[in-house]
C-alpha atoms as a PDB file:
ATOM      1  CA  MET A   1     142.635  35.419 120.561  1.00  0.00           C
ATOM      2  CA  PRO A   2     138.677  35.589 120.337  1.00  0.00           C
ATOM      3  CA  ASN A   3     137.468  38.871 121.840  1.00  0.00           C
ATOM      4  CA  PHE A   4     134.785  37.062 124.013  1.00  0.00           C
ATOM      5  CA  LEU A   5     138.056  35.322 125.312  1.00  0.00           C
ATOM      6  CA  LEU A   6     139.968  38.642 126.744  1.00  0.00           C
ATOM      7  CA  VAL A   7     136.850  39.924 128.303  1.00  0.00           C
ATOM      8  CA  PHE A   8     135.769  36.604 130.521  1.00  0.00           C
ATOM      9  CA  ILE A   9     139.632  36.472 131.261  1.00  0.00           C
ATOM     10  CA  GLY A  10     139.685  40.168 132.305  1.00  0.00           C
ATOM     11  CA  GLY A  11     136.206  40.073 134.384  1.00  0.00           C
ATOM     12  CA  GLY A  12     137.690  36.950 135.433  1.00  0.00           C
ATOM     13  CA  LEU A  13     140.539  38.471 137.213  1.00  0.00           C
ATOM     14  CA  GLY A  14     139.098  42.043 137.931  1.00  0.00           C
ATOM     15  CA  SER A  15     136.756  40.024 140.163  1.00  0.00           C
ATOM     16  CA  LEU A  16     139.427  38.005 141.756  1.00  0.00           C
ATOM     17  CA  CYS A  17     140.678  41.641 142.629  1.00  0.00           C
ATOM     18  CA  ARG A  18     137.854  42.795 143.523  1.00  0.00           C
ATOM     19  CA  TRP A  19     137.247  39.584 145.700  1.00  0.00           C
ATOM     20  CA  GLY A  20     140.998  39.866 147.296  1.00  0.00           C
ATOM     21  CA  LEU A  21     140.684  43.628 147.847  1.00  0.00           C
ATOM     22  CA  SER A  22     137.953  42.937 150.087  1.00  0.00           C
ATOM     23  CA  LEU A  23     139.710  40.070 152.164  1.00  0.00           C
ATOM     24  CA  LEU A  24     142.519  42.309 152.858  1.00  0.00           C
ATOM     25  CA  ILE A  25     140.661  45.646 153.669  1.00  0.00           C
ATOM     26  CA  GLN A  26     137.112  44.953 155.239  1.00  0.00           C
ATOM     27  CA  PRO A  27     138.461  43.431 158.167  1.00  0.00           C
ATOM     28  CA  LEU A  28     140.514  45.644 159.173  1.00  0.00           C
ATOM     29  CA  VAL A  29     137.811  48.387 159.534  1.00  0.00           C
ATOM     30  CA  PRO A  30     134.376  46.903 159.384  1.00  0.00           C
ATOM     31  CA  ARG A  31     132.080  49.849 159.567  1.00  0.00           C
ATOM     32  CA  PHE A  32     132.382  51.225 156.504  1.00  0.00           C
ATOM     33  CA  PRO A  33     132.747  49.411 152.906  1.00  0.00           C
ATOM     34  CA  TRP A  34     136.280  50.811 152.348  1.00  0.00           C
ATOM     35  CA  ALA A  35     136.880  47.348 149.802  1.00  0.00           C
ATOM     36  CA  THR A  36     134.108  48.714 147.556  1.00  0.00           C
ATOM     37  CA  LEU A  37     135.619  52.226 147.560  1.00  0.00           C
ATOM     38  CA  ALA A  38     139.062  51.163 146.997  1.00  0.00           C
ATOM     39  CA  SER A  39     138.086  49.174 143.937  1.00  0.00           C
ATOM     40  CA  ASN A  40     135.641  51.807 142.798  1.00  0.00           C
ATOM     41  CA  ALA A  41     138.476  54.338 142.849  1.00  0.00           C
ATOM     42  CA  LEU A  42     141.604  51.701 141.608  1.00  0.00           C
ATOM     43  CA  ALA A  43     139.511  50.466 138.915  1.00  0.00           C
ATOM     44  CA  CYS A  44     138.717  54.428 137.586  1.00  0.00           C
ATOM     45  CA  LEU A  45     142.575  54.666 137.626  1.00  0.00           C
ATOM     46  CA  VAL A  46     143.406  52.132 135.403  1.00  0.00           C
ATOM     47  CA  MET A  47     140.303  53.495 133.150  1.00  0.00           C
ATOM     48  CA  GLY A  48     141.848  56.763 133.211  1.00  0.00           C
ATOM     49  CA  VAL A  49     145.422  55.401 132.522  1.00  0.00           C
ATOM     50  CA  LEU A  50     143.475  53.515 129.552  1.00  0.00           C
ATOM     51  CA  LEU A  51     141.430  56.285 128.369  1.00  0.00           C
ATOM     52  CA  GLN A  52     144.743  58.733 127.980  1.00  0.00           C
ATOM     53  CA  GLN A  53     146.862  56.052 125.970  1.00  0.00           C
ATOM     54  CA  GLN A  54     143.775  56.019 123.974  1.00  0.00           C
ATOM     55  CA  LEU A  55     143.672  59.295 123.438  1.00  0.00           C
ATOM     56  CA  GLY A  56     147.582  59.212 122.948  1.00  0.00           C
ATOM     57  CA  THR A  57     149.051  56.826 121.267  1.00  0.00           C
ATOM     58  CA  GLY A  58     145.689  54.727 120.936  1.00  0.00           C
ATOM     59  CA  VAL A  59     144.874  51.227 122.330  1.00  0.00           C
ATOM     60  CA  THR A  60     144.612  47.817 120.856  1.00  0.00           C
ATOM     61  CA  GLU A  61     141.133  46.781 120.702  1.00  0.00           C
ATOM     62  CA  GLN A  62     142.431  43.881 122.191  1.00  0.00           C
ATOM     63  CA  ARG A  63     143.971  45.322 125.019  1.00  0.00           C
ATOM     64  CA  ARG A  64     140.564  47.242 125.574  1.00  0.00           C
ATOM     65  CA  LEU A  65     138.732  44.508 125.738  1.00  0.00           C
ATOM     66  CA  LEU A  66     141.136  42.659 127.993  1.00  0.00           C
ATOM     67  CA  LEU A  67     141.298  45.387 130.398  1.00  0.00           C
ATOM     68  CA  ALA A  68     138.908  48.481 129.946  1.00  0.00           C
ATOM     69  CA  VAL A  69     136.103  46.386 129.647  1.00  0.00           C
ATOM     70  CA  GLY A  70     136.929  42.656 131.317  1.00  0.00           C
ATOM     71  CA  PHE A  71     139.398  43.833 134.227  1.00  0.00           C
ATOM     72  CA  CYS A  72     137.286  47.094 135.398  1.00  0.00           C
ATOM     73  CA  GLY A  73     134.161  45.630 134.392  1.00  0.00           C
ATOM     74  CA  GLY A  74     135.066  42.888 136.576  1.00  0.00           C
ATOM     75  CA  PHE A  75     136.411  45.172 139.372  1.00  0.00           C
ATOM     76  CA  SER A  76     133.991  47.552 139.217  1.00  0.00           C
ATOM     77  CA  THR A  77     131.577  48.973 136.838  1.00  0.00           C
ATOM     78  CA  PHE A  78     132.029  52.238 138.357  1.00  0.00           C
ATOM     79  CA  SER A  79     134.886  53.282 136.175  1.00  0.00           C
ATOM     80  CA  THR A  80     132.884  52.824 133.487  1.00  0.00           C
ATOM     81  CA  PHE A  81     130.443  54.758 134.355  1.00  0.00           C
ATOM     82  CA  THR A  82     132.835  57.816 135.597  1.00  0.00           C
ATOM     83  CA  ALA A  83     134.577  57.367 132.393  1.00  0.00           C
ATOM     84  CA  GLU A  84     130.891  57.744 130.663  1.00  0.00           C
ATOM     85  CA  THR A  85     130.173  60.502 132.882  1.00  0.00           C
ATOM     86  CA  LEU A  86     133.496  62.324 132.192  1.00  0.00           C
ATOM     87  CA  GLN A  87     133.027  61.880 128.299  1.00  0.00           C
ATOM     88  CA  LEU A  88     129.830  63.796 128.352  1.00  0.00           C
ATOM     89  CA  TRP A  89     131.146  66.323 130.573  1.00  0.00           C
ATOM     90  CA  LEU A  90     134.283  66.748 128.345  1.00  0.00           C
ATOM     91  CA  GLY A  91     132.155  66.990 125.396  1.00  0.00           C
ATOM     92  CA  GLY A  92     129.734  69.997 126.558  1.00  0.00           C
ATOM     93  CA  GLN A  93     126.957  67.931 127.620  1.00  0.00           C
ATOM     94  CA  SER A  94     127.172  68.756 131.672  1.00  0.00           C
ATOM     95  CA  LEU A  95     123.381  68.469 131.774  1.00  0.00           C
ATOM     96  CA  TYR A  96     123.478  64.582 130.645  1.00  0.00           C
ATOM     97  CA  ALA A  97     126.498  64.231 132.873  1.00  0.00           C
ATOM     98  CA  ALA A  98     124.250  65.541 135.517  1.00  0.00           C
ATOM     99  CA  ILE A  99     121.456  63.494 134.691  1.00  0.00           C
ATOM    100  CA  ASN A 100     123.427  60.217 134.335  1.00  0.00           C
ATOM    101  CA  ILE A 101     125.026  60.768 137.555  1.00  0.00           C
ATOM    102  CA  LEU A 102     121.457  60.773 139.159  1.00  0.00           C
ATOM    103  CA  ALA A 103     119.998  58.336 137.233  1.00  0.00           C
ATOM    104  CA  ASN A 104     122.474  56.012 138.204  1.00  0.00           C
ATOM    105  CA  LEU A 105     122.447  56.562 141.796  1.00  0.00           C
ATOM    106  CA  MET A 106     118.510  57.049 142.134  1.00  0.00           C
ATOM    107  CA  ILE A 107     117.507  53.859 139.752  1.00  0.00           C
ATOM    108  CA  CYS A 108     120.057  51.432 140.987  1.00  0.00           C
ATOM    109  CA  MET A 109     118.892  52.516 144.622  1.00  0.00           C
ATOM    110  CA  VAL A 110     115.042  51.750 143.734  1.00  0.00           C
ATOM    111  CA  PHE A 111     116.191  48.491 141.459  1.00  0.00           C
ATOM    112  CA  LEU A 112     118.292  47.464 145.031  1.00  0.00           C
ATOM    113  CA  VAL A 113     115.027  48.303 146.931  1.00  0.00           C
ATOM    114  CA  ILE A 114     112.965  46.147 144.320  1.00  0.00           C
ATOM    115  CA  GLY A 115     115.233  43.167 144.392  1.00  0.00           C
ATOM    116  CA  MET A 116     115.440  43.139 147.806  1.00  0.00           C
ATOM    117  CA  LYS A 117     111.694  42.846 148.182  1.00  0.00           C
ATOM    118  CA  LEU A 118     111.257  40.384 145.734  1.00  0.00           C
ATOM    119  CA  GLY A 119     113.782  38.260 147.507  1.00  0.00           C
END
């Protein structure tokens, strides 16, 4: 199966799961974005399993594209952000890990506000 198709299928499934989770959770507690928190946490769980498998027995490129890039990307890009930050930290680049956290939060917040003003 072509790589782009694996990413496409995984991303679609991840997006559907995120939407389904929001349909299940959000009506129960509408005052806090629990569904987003849950999808971020669950995507990080899946990404953690994949990273551990990659460190151990290895993960095929097709599996990585389907699950890590596609599914986790569609379910939540927060999992990728978290994995990359952890890799910086474990690689002894704690300053870059901290910069990555702050930059993502601040820049994305600024861009969100800019987008709202443009809209």
